[in-house]
C-alpha atoms as a PDB file:
ATOM      1  CA  MET A   1     126.006  -6.127 -32.829  1.00  0.00           C
ATOM      2  CA  GLY A   2     128.923  -7.435 -30.784  1.00  0.00           C
ATOM      3  CA  ASN A   3     131.332  -6.361 -33.509  1.00  0.00           C
ATOM      4  CA  VAL A   4     130.052  -2.800 -33.120  1.00  0.00           C
ATOM      5  CA  ASN A   5     129.941  -2.634 -29.326  1.00  0.00           C
ATOM      6  CA  GLN A   6     133.489  -3.819 -28.731  1.00  0.00           C
ATOM      7  CA  PRO A   7     135.291  -1.165 -30.800  1.00  0.00           C
ATOM      8  CA  ALA A   8     132.882   1.543 -29.660  1.00  0.00           C
ATOM      9  CA  GLY A   9     133.511   0.591 -26.050  1.00  0.00           C
ATOM     10  CA  THR A  10     137.254   0.525 -26.610  1.00  0.00           C
ATOM     11  CA  VAL A  11     137.275   3.967 -28.245  1.00  0.00           C
ATOM     12  CA  THR A  12     135.104   5.516 -25.539  1.00  0.00           C
ATOM     13  CA  GLY A  13     136.771   3.669 -22.661  1.00  0.00           C
ATOM     14  CA  ASN A  14     133.467   2.002 -21.755  1.00  0.00           C
ATOM     15  CA  ASP A  15     134.445  -1.411 -20.347  1.00  0.00           C
ATOM     16  CA  GLN A  16     130.806  -2.470 -19.962  1.00  0.00           C
ATOM     17  CA  LEU A  17     130.187  -1.884 -23.667  1.00  0.00           C
ATOM     18  CA  VAL A  18     133.289  -3.917 -24.529  1.00  0.00           C
ATOM     19  CA  ALA A  19     132.087  -6.768 -22.300  1.00  0.00           C
ATOM     20  CA  GLU A  20     128.593  -6.665 -23.808  1.00  0.00           C
ATOM     21  CA  GLY A  21     130.095  -6.799 -27.289  1.00  0.00           C
ATOM     22  CA  LYS A  22     132.211  -9.820 -26.404  1.00  0.00           C
ATOM     23  CA  ALA A  23     129.201 -11.567 -24.863  1.00  0.00           C
ATOM     24  CA  GLN A  24     127.086 -10.894 -27.951  1.00  0.00           C
ATOM     25  CA  GLU A  25     129.842 -12.173 -30.209  1.00  0.00           C
ATOM     26  CA  LEU A  26     130.202 -15.390 -28.194  1.00  0.00           C
ATOM     27  CA  THR A  27     126.433 -15.896 -28.224  1.00  0.00           C
ATOM     28  CA  GLY A  28     126.424 -15.538 -31.994  1.00  0.00           C
ATOM     29  CA  GLU A  29     129.260 -18.030 -32.355  1.00  0.00           C
ATOM     30  CA  ALA A  30     127.431 -20.547 -30.150  1.00  0.00           C
ATOM     31  CA  GLN A  31     124.235 -20.141 -32.170  1.00  0.00           C
ATOM     32  CA  LYS A  32     126.171 -20.676 -35.407  1.00  0.00           C
ATOM     33  CA  THR A  33     127.777 -23.820 -34.009  1.00  0.00           C
ATOM     34  CA  VAL A  34     124.380 -25.237 -33.041  1.00  0.00           C
ATOM     35  CA  GLY A  35     123.002 -24.387 -36.476  1.00  0.00           C
ATOM     36  CA  ASP A  36     125.982 -25.999 -38.195  1.00  0.00           C
ATOM     37  CA  GLY A  37     125.484 -29.133 -36.085  1.00  0.00           C
ATOM     38  CA  LYS A  38     121.802 -29.322 -37.008  1.00  0.00           C
ATOM     39  CA  ALA A  39     122.597 -28.901 -40.697  1.00  0.00           C
ATOM     40  CA  GLY A  40     125.265 -31.598 -40.489  1.00  0.00           C
ATOM     41  CA  ALA A  41     122.886 -34.001 -38.759  1.00  0.00           C
ATOM     42  CA  LYS A  42     120.206 -33.344 -41.380  1.00  0.00           C
ATOM     43  CA  ASN A  43     122.674 -33.922 -44.224  1.00  0.00           C
ATOM     44  CA  LEU A  44     123.797 -37.180 -42.634  1.00  0.00           C
ATOM     45  CA  ALA A  45     120.195 -38.311 -42.107  1.00  0.00           C
ATOM     46  CA  ASP A  46     119.383 -37.444 -45.727  1.00  0.00           C
ATOM     47  CA  LYS A  47     122.332 -39.528 -46.962  1.00  0.00           C
ATOM     48  CA  VAL A  48     121.375 -42.488 -44.778  1.00  0.00           C
ATOM     49  CA  THR A  49     117.744 -42.397 -45.918  1.00  0.00           C
ATOM     50  CA  GLY A  50     118.656 -41.635 -49.544  1.00  0.00           C
ATOM     51  CA  ARG A  51     117.024 -38.188 -49.603  1.00  0.00           C
ATOM     52  CA  SER A  52     119.726 -36.070 -51.182  1.00  0.00           C
END
């Protein structure tokens, strides 16, 4: 959604829409980082316990 709001806000001159798009994009990136960390921890735990 953030990738849609930013360009739309830029084209229409709507600074609030641009800001909302950036915020949504950053939220998505943070959620991905947390998910990647959880997956990495699970993979490590699986290797340590021998559960490939």
